[in-house]
N, C-alpha and C. Protein backbone atom coordinates (compact mmCIF):
# COMPACT_ATOMS: atom_id res chain seq x y z
N MET A 1 0.84 -1.19 0.00
CA MET A 1 0.00 0.00 0.00
C MET A 1 0.89 1.25 0.00
N THR A 2 0.42 2.26 -0.71
CA THR A 2 1.14 3.52 -0.81
C THR A 2 0.18 4.67 -0.51
N LYS A 3 0.70 5.68 0.18
CA LYS A 3 -0.02 6.93 0.37
C LYS A 3 0.91 8.05 -0.04
N GLU A 4 0.32 9.12 -0.59
CA GLU A 4 1.13 10.22 -1.08
C GLU A 4 0.57 11.56 -0.61
N ILE A 5 1.48 12.47 -0.32
CA ILE A 5 1.12 13.85 -0.02
C ILE A 5 1.86 14.71 -1.03
N LYS A 6 1.13 15.63 -1.67
CA LYS A 6 1.75 16.55 -2.62
C LYS A 6 1.25 17.95 -2.33
N THR A 7 2.19 18.88 -2.13
CA THR A 7 1.83 20.28 -1.92
C THR A 7 2.74 21.14 -2.78
N GLU A 8 2.28 22.34 -3.08
CA GLU A 8 3.12 23.29 -3.81
C GLU A 8 2.66 24.70 -3.51
N ILE A 9 3.60 25.64 -3.71
CA ILE A 9 3.29 27.05 -3.48
C ILE A 9 4.17 27.89 -4.41
N LEU A 10 3.61 28.96 -4.94
CA LEU A 10 4.36 29.89 -5.79
C LEU A 10 5.02 30.92 -4.88
N ILE A 11 6.33 31.06 -5.03
CA ILE A 11 7.10 32.00 -4.20
C ILE A 11 7.68 33.07 -5.10
N ASN A 12 7.44 34.32 -4.75
CA ASN A 12 7.94 35.46 -5.52
C ASN A 12 9.38 35.77 -5.13
N ALA A 13 10.24 34.81 -5.43
CA ALA A 13 11.68 34.93 -5.16
C ALA A 13 12.40 33.92 -6.04
N SER A 14 13.68 34.16 -6.24
CA SER A 14 14.48 33.26 -7.08
C SER A 14 14.70 31.92 -6.37
N PRO A 15 14.99 30.87 -7.15
CA PRO A 15 15.32 29.59 -6.52
C PRO A 15 16.50 29.70 -5.55
N GLU A 16 17.47 30.55 -5.87
CA GLU A 16 18.63 30.73 -5.00
C GLU A 16 18.21 31.26 -3.62
N LYS A 17 17.29 32.22 -3.62
CA LYS A 17 16.82 32.79 -2.35
C LYS A 17 16.01 31.75 -1.56
N VAL A 18 15.13 31.04 -2.25
CA VAL A 18 14.32 30.01 -1.59
C VAL A 18 15.22 28.91 -1.04
N TRP A 19 16.20 28.48 -1.83
CA TRP A 19 17.14 27.44 -1.41
C TRP A 19 17.92 27.89 -0.18
N GLY A 20 18.31 29.15 -0.16
CA GLY A 20 19.05 29.69 0.98
C GLY A 20 18.26 29.57 2.28
N VAL A 21 16.96 29.86 2.23
CA VAL A 21 16.11 29.73 3.41
C VAL A 21 15.90 28.25 3.74
N LEU A 22 15.56 27.45 2.72
CA LEU A 22 15.27 26.03 2.91
C LEU A 22 16.45 25.29 3.53
N THR A 23 17.66 25.63 3.13
CA THR A 23 18.83 24.88 3.59
C THR A 23 19.58 25.53 4.75
N ASP A 24 19.00 26.57 5.32
CA ASP A 24 19.57 27.16 6.55
C ASP A 24 18.98 26.38 7.73
N PHE A 25 19.46 25.16 7.89
CA PHE A 25 18.86 24.22 8.84
C PHE A 25 18.97 24.71 10.29
N GLU A 26 20.01 25.45 10.60
CA GLU A 26 20.18 25.97 11.97
C GLU A 26 19.04 26.92 12.35
N ALA A 27 18.43 27.55 11.35
CA ALA A 27 17.35 28.50 11.63
C ALA A 27 15.98 27.83 11.75
N TYR A 28 15.86 26.56 11.43
CA TYR A 28 14.55 25.89 11.47
C TYR A 28 13.78 26.09 12.77
N PRO A 29 14.42 25.96 13.93
CA PRO A 29 13.64 26.12 15.17
C PRO A 29 12.96 27.48 15.29
N SER A 30 13.51 28.50 14.63
CA SER A 30 12.95 29.85 14.76
C SER A 30 11.80 30.13 13.78
N TRP A 31 11.67 29.32 12.72
CA TRP A 31 10.61 29.65 11.76
C TRP A 31 9.79 28.46 11.27
N ASN A 32 10.35 27.27 11.30
CA ASN A 32 9.69 26.14 10.65
C ASN A 32 8.66 25.49 11.57
N PRO A 33 7.37 25.58 11.22
CA PRO A 33 6.33 25.03 12.09
C PRO A 33 6.20 23.51 12.00
N PHE A 34 6.85 22.90 11.03
CA PHE A 34 6.72 21.46 10.82
C PHE A 34 8.01 20.70 11.13
N ILE A 35 9.11 21.10 10.49
CA ILE A 35 10.40 20.46 10.76
C ILE A 35 11.09 21.30 11.81
N LYS A 36 11.08 20.81 13.03
CA LYS A 36 11.60 21.57 14.17
C LYS A 36 13.12 21.58 14.21
N SER A 37 13.74 20.53 13.69
CA SER A 37 15.21 20.52 13.60
C SER A 37 15.65 19.55 12.53
N LEU A 38 16.78 19.88 11.92
CA LEU A 38 17.43 19.03 10.94
C LEU A 38 18.92 19.19 11.16
N THR A 39 19.58 18.12 11.56
CA THR A 39 21.01 18.20 11.86
C THR A 39 21.76 17.08 11.15
N GLY A 40 23.05 17.30 11.00
CA GLY A 40 23.91 16.32 10.36
C GLY A 40 24.52 16.90 9.10
N ASP A 41 25.41 16.15 8.48
CA ASP A 41 26.08 16.56 7.25
C ASP A 41 25.17 16.18 6.08
N VAL A 42 24.48 17.18 5.54
CA VAL A 42 23.51 16.94 4.47
C VAL A 42 24.24 16.77 3.15
N ALA A 43 24.48 15.52 2.79
CA ALA A 43 25.12 15.15 1.53
C ALA A 43 24.58 13.78 1.13
N VAL A 44 24.54 13.54 -0.16
CA VAL A 44 23.99 12.27 -0.67
C VAL A 44 24.70 11.09 -0.01
N GLY A 45 23.89 10.16 0.49
CA GLY A 45 24.41 8.95 1.13
C GLY A 45 24.52 9.07 2.63
N ASN A 46 24.49 10.30 3.15
CA ASN A 46 24.62 10.49 4.60
C ASN A 46 23.28 10.33 5.31
N THR A 47 23.36 9.98 6.57
CA THR A 47 22.19 9.91 7.43
C THR A 47 22.13 11.19 8.26
N ILE A 48 20.95 11.79 8.31
CA ILE A 48 20.75 13.02 9.06
C ILE A 48 19.72 12.76 10.16
N SER A 49 19.55 13.71 11.05
CA SER A 49 18.54 13.60 12.10
C SER A 49 17.49 14.68 11.88
N VAL A 50 16.22 14.26 11.83
CA VAL A 50 15.12 15.18 11.55
C VAL A 50 14.06 15.04 12.64
N ARG A 51 13.62 16.18 13.18
CA ARG A 51 12.53 16.19 14.17
C ARG A 51 11.35 16.92 13.54
N ILE A 52 10.21 16.23 13.43
CA ILE A 52 9.01 16.84 12.89
C ILE A 52 7.94 16.95 13.97
N GLN A 53 7.05 17.92 13.78
CA GLN A 53 5.93 18.12 14.71
C GLN A 53 4.72 18.55 13.88
N PRO A 54 3.93 17.58 13.39
CA PRO A 54 2.74 17.97 12.62
C PRO A 54 1.74 18.71 13.51
N PRO A 55 0.95 19.62 12.94
CA PRO A 55 -0.07 20.30 13.72
C PRO A 55 -1.05 19.26 14.29
N ASN A 56 -1.40 19.40 15.53
CA ASN A 56 -2.34 18.48 16.19
C ASN A 56 -1.86 17.03 16.17
N GLY A 57 -0.55 16.83 16.05
CA GLY A 57 0.00 15.48 16.02
C GLY A 57 1.18 15.35 16.95
N SER A 58 1.62 14.13 17.11
CA SER A 58 2.78 13.86 17.95
C SER A 58 4.06 14.11 17.19
N GLY A 59 5.04 14.66 17.89
CA GLY A 59 6.35 14.87 17.28
C GLY A 59 7.13 13.58 17.24
N MET A 60 8.07 13.52 16.31
CA MET A 60 8.95 12.35 16.24
C MET A 60 10.29 12.74 15.65
N THR A 61 11.31 12.02 16.06
CA THR A 61 12.65 12.21 15.51
C THR A 61 13.02 10.93 14.77
N PHE A 62 13.58 11.09 13.60
CA PHE A 62 14.00 9.92 12.82
C PHE A 62 15.29 10.24 12.09
N SER A 63 15.90 9.22 11.50
CA SER A 63 17.22 9.36 10.88
C SER A 63 17.18 8.90 9.42
N PRO A 64 16.72 9.78 8.53
CA PRO A 64 16.65 9.40 7.12
C PRO A 64 18.00 9.50 6.42
N LYS A 65 18.06 8.85 5.28
CA LYS A 65 19.26 8.88 4.42
C LYS A 65 19.01 9.86 3.29
N VAL A 66 19.99 10.74 3.03
CA VAL A 66 19.87 11.72 1.95
C VAL A 66 20.06 11.00 0.61
N LEU A 67 19.04 11.13 -0.26
CA LEU A 67 19.09 10.49 -1.58
C LEU A 67 19.52 11.45 -2.68
N HIS A 68 19.18 12.74 -2.51
CA HIS A 68 19.45 13.72 -3.56
C HIS A 68 19.65 15.08 -2.90
N PHE A 69 20.65 15.80 -3.33
CA PHE A 69 20.89 17.15 -2.82
C PHE A 69 21.54 17.95 -3.92
N GLU A 70 20.70 18.65 -4.71
CA GLU A 70 21.18 19.43 -5.84
C GLU A 70 20.84 20.89 -5.61
N LYS A 71 21.86 21.69 -5.40
CA LYS A 71 21.71 23.11 -5.03
C LYS A 71 20.70 23.83 -5.92
N ASN A 72 19.81 24.56 -5.27
CA ASN A 72 18.78 25.38 -5.90
C ASN A 72 17.73 24.59 -6.67
N LYS A 73 17.75 23.23 -6.52
CA LYS A 73 16.80 22.42 -7.29
C LYS A 73 16.05 21.37 -6.47
N LYS A 74 16.78 20.50 -5.77
CA LYS A 74 16.10 19.37 -5.15
C LYS A 74 16.86 18.84 -3.93
N PHE A 75 16.07 18.47 -2.91
CA PHE A 75 16.57 17.83 -1.70
C PHE A 75 15.59 16.70 -1.40
N GLN A 76 16.14 15.51 -1.23
CA GLN A 76 15.29 14.33 -1.01
C GLN A 76 15.93 13.40 0.01
N TRP A 77 15.08 12.82 0.87
CA TRP A 77 15.56 11.82 1.82
C TRP A 77 14.58 10.67 1.90
N LYS A 78 15.06 9.56 2.47
CA LYS A 78 14.19 8.41 2.73
C LYS A 78 14.37 7.98 4.17
N GLY A 79 13.25 7.95 4.89
CA GLY A 79 13.26 7.51 6.28
C GLY A 79 12.49 6.22 6.43
N LYS A 80 12.72 5.55 7.54
CA LYS A 80 12.02 4.29 7.79
C LYS A 80 11.76 4.14 9.28
N LEU A 81 10.73 3.37 9.60
CA LEU A 81 10.40 3.04 10.97
C LEU A 81 11.05 1.69 11.29
N LEU A 82 11.98 1.70 12.21
CA LEU A 82 12.75 0.52 12.64
C LEU A 82 13.55 -0.09 11.50
N PHE A 83 12.90 -0.73 10.54
CA PHE A 83 13.63 -1.26 9.39
C PHE A 83 12.75 -1.13 8.15
N GLU A 84 13.40 -1.16 6.98
CA GLU A 84 12.70 -0.94 5.73
C GLU A 84 11.57 -1.95 5.52
N GLY A 85 10.44 -1.42 5.05
CA GLY A 85 9.30 -2.28 4.74
C GLY A 85 8.14 -2.17 5.71
N LEU A 86 8.40 -1.63 6.91
CA LEU A 86 7.31 -1.45 7.88
C LEU A 86 6.54 -0.17 7.56
N PHE A 87 7.27 0.96 7.56
CA PHE A 87 6.68 2.26 7.25
C PHE A 87 7.82 3.14 6.77
N ASP A 88 7.89 3.35 5.47
CA ASP A 88 8.96 4.12 4.85
C ASP A 88 8.39 5.39 4.23
N GLY A 89 9.17 6.45 4.28
CA GLY A 89 8.74 7.70 3.66
C GLY A 89 9.85 8.32 2.84
N GLU A 90 9.53 8.66 1.60
CA GLU A 90 10.49 9.35 0.73
C GLU A 90 10.00 10.78 0.56
N HIS A 91 10.77 11.71 1.15
CA HIS A 91 10.39 13.12 1.24
C HIS A 91 11.15 13.92 0.19
N ASP A 92 10.42 14.77 -0.55
CA ASP A 92 11.02 15.57 -1.61
C ASP A 92 10.73 17.06 -1.42
N PHE A 93 11.76 17.86 -1.63
CA PHE A 93 11.62 19.31 -1.75
C PHE A 93 12.14 19.63 -3.15
N GLU A 94 11.32 20.25 -3.98
CA GLU A 94 11.73 20.56 -5.33
C GLU A 94 11.47 22.03 -5.63
N LEU A 95 12.45 22.69 -6.24
CA LEU A 95 12.34 24.09 -6.62
C LEU A 95 12.36 24.18 -8.13
N ILE A 96 11.34 24.78 -8.70
CA ILE A 96 11.26 24.94 -10.15
C ILE A 96 11.37 26.43 -10.48
N ASP A 97 12.39 26.75 -11.26
CA ASP A 97 12.63 28.14 -11.68
C ASP A 97 11.65 28.47 -12.80
N ASN A 98 10.77 29.43 -12.56
CA ASN A 98 9.79 29.82 -13.56
C ASN A 98 10.36 30.78 -14.60
N GLY A 99 11.61 31.22 -14.40
CA GLY A 99 12.25 32.09 -15.37
C GLY A 99 11.79 33.54 -15.32
N ASP A 100 10.97 33.89 -14.32
CA ASP A 100 10.46 35.25 -14.21
C ASP A 100 10.68 35.83 -12.81
N GLY A 101 11.66 35.27 -12.09
CA GLY A 101 11.94 35.73 -10.74
C GLY A 101 11.11 35.03 -9.68
N THR A 102 10.29 34.06 -10.09
CA THR A 102 9.49 33.30 -9.14
C THR A 102 9.91 31.83 -9.15
N THR A 103 9.54 31.15 -8.08
CA THR A 103 9.89 29.74 -7.91
C THR A 103 8.64 28.97 -7.50
N LEU A 104 8.42 27.84 -8.15
CA LEU A 104 7.38 26.93 -7.70
C LEU A 104 8.05 25.95 -6.74
N PHE A 105 7.64 25.98 -5.48
CA PHE A 105 8.19 25.09 -4.46
C PHE A 105 7.23 23.94 -4.26
N LYS A 106 7.74 22.74 -4.43
CA LYS A 106 6.93 21.53 -4.24
C LYS A 106 7.50 20.73 -3.07
N GLN A 107 6.63 20.33 -2.18
CA GLN A 107 7.00 19.45 -1.08
C GLN A 107 6.07 18.25 -1.13
N SER A 108 6.66 17.06 -1.15
CA SER A 108 5.84 15.86 -1.26
C SER A 108 6.48 14.72 -0.48
N GLU A 109 5.67 13.70 -0.24
CA GLU A 109 6.19 12.50 0.40
C GLU A 109 5.36 11.31 -0.05
N THR A 110 6.06 10.21 -0.31
CA THR A 110 5.42 8.95 -0.66
C THR A 110 5.72 7.97 0.46
N PHE A 111 4.66 7.38 1.00
CA PHE A 111 4.77 6.43 2.10
C PHE A 111 4.47 5.02 1.60
N ASN A 112 5.29 4.08 2.03
CA ASN A 112 5.12 2.67 1.68
C ASN A 112 5.33 1.82 2.92
N GLY A 113 4.87 0.58 2.86
CA GLY A 113 5.12 -0.37 3.95
C GLY A 113 3.84 -0.98 4.49
N ILE A 114 4.03 -2.01 5.30
CA ILE A 114 2.87 -2.75 5.78
C ILE A 114 2.01 -1.97 6.77
N PHE A 115 2.56 -0.91 7.40
CA PHE A 115 1.77 -0.13 8.36
C PHE A 115 1.21 1.17 7.77
N VAL A 116 1.38 1.38 6.47
CA VAL A 116 0.90 2.62 5.84
C VAL A 116 -0.61 2.78 6.00
N TYR A 117 -1.34 1.71 5.98
CA TYR A 117 -2.80 1.79 6.06
C TYR A 117 -3.26 2.45 7.37
N LEU A 118 -2.42 2.46 8.40
CA LEU A 118 -2.77 3.07 9.68
C LEU A 118 -2.55 4.59 9.69
N PHE A 119 -1.83 5.09 8.71
CA PHE A 119 -1.38 6.48 8.70
C PHE A 119 -2.43 7.41 8.10
N ASN A 120 -2.84 8.41 8.88
CA ASN A 120 -3.75 9.44 8.41
C ASN A 120 -2.89 10.63 7.97
N THR A 121 -2.99 11.01 6.72
CA THR A 121 -2.12 12.04 6.16
C THR A 121 -2.55 13.47 6.50
N LYS A 122 -3.71 13.66 7.12
CA LYS A 122 -4.26 15.00 7.33
C LYS A 122 -3.32 15.95 8.07
N ASN A 123 -2.82 15.55 9.24
CA ASN A 123 -1.94 16.43 10.02
C ASN A 123 -0.63 16.71 9.31
N THR A 124 -0.07 15.70 8.66
CA THR A 124 1.20 15.88 7.96
C THR A 124 1.01 16.81 6.76
N THR A 125 -0.09 16.66 6.05
CA THR A 125 -0.37 17.57 4.93
C THR A 125 -0.47 19.01 5.44
N SER A 126 -1.15 19.22 6.55
CA SER A 126 -1.25 20.56 7.14
C SER A 126 0.14 21.08 7.51
N GLY A 127 0.99 20.21 8.04
CA GLY A 127 2.36 20.60 8.38
C GLY A 127 3.15 21.04 7.16
N PHE A 128 3.01 20.31 6.05
CA PHE A 128 3.68 20.69 4.80
C PHE A 128 3.20 22.07 4.37
N GLU A 129 1.88 22.28 4.38
CA GLU A 129 1.31 23.54 3.92
C GLU A 129 1.74 24.71 4.80
N GLU A 130 1.78 24.51 6.11
CA GLU A 130 2.24 25.57 7.01
C GLU A 130 3.71 25.90 6.77
N MET A 131 4.53 24.87 6.58
CA MET A 131 5.95 25.10 6.30
C MET A 131 6.11 25.84 4.98
N ASN A 132 5.38 25.42 3.94
CA ASN A 132 5.47 26.08 2.64
C ASN A 132 5.15 27.57 2.76
N GLN A 133 4.11 27.90 3.52
CA GLN A 133 3.70 29.30 3.68
C GLN A 133 4.78 30.11 4.41
N LYS A 134 5.37 29.55 5.45
CA LYS A 134 6.44 30.25 6.19
C LYS A 134 7.68 30.42 5.32
N LEU A 135 8.00 29.40 4.53
CA LEU A 135 9.14 29.49 3.61
C LEU A 135 8.89 30.63 2.62
N LYS A 136 7.69 30.71 2.09
CA LYS A 136 7.32 31.78 1.16
C LYS A 136 7.51 33.15 1.82
N GLU A 137 6.98 33.30 3.04
CA GLU A 137 7.09 34.59 3.74
C GLU A 137 8.54 35.00 3.92
N LEU A 138 9.39 34.07 4.33
CA LEU A 138 10.80 34.40 4.55
C LEU A 138 11.53 34.70 3.24
N ALA A 139 11.30 33.88 2.23
CA ALA A 139 12.00 34.07 0.96
C ALA A 139 11.58 35.35 0.24
N GLU A 140 10.35 35.81 0.49
CA GLU A 140 9.87 37.02 -0.17
C GLU A 140 10.25 38.30 0.55
N LYS A 141 10.85 38.17 1.74
CA LYS A 141 11.31 39.38 2.45
C LYS A 141 12.45 40.02 1.67
N PRO A 142 12.41 41.37 1.56
CA PRO A 142 13.50 42.04 0.81
C PRO A 142 14.84 41.94 1.51
């Protein structure tokens, strides 16, 4: 079984500016309503530590592996519960340059595993949307 969350927001800023906010992980506690912390050496193949807190949901810390990290374009990781196959999530942040000084920011996640059927995506979707809005506000500041 698979479940998917897909969100996007138009940001009136360049991909470079959006990327700068998105990848300033030390600042997450001060602005990010969903990802409360992200620590570790963010490079392809490395394991990082991520703490999330969905609205109206329980917080959790997990250690995903970085799958993709391309400056100003894409950041992707894959996390798992205990071991692969129980409850896995592949999280994507994608920045699309519209060529007019704006960026389409997409945040999505695909969940797989035998426990996916228990997962209600509502709170996590709200968390993605709140984070997207805060990212937009920060990136659009002069």
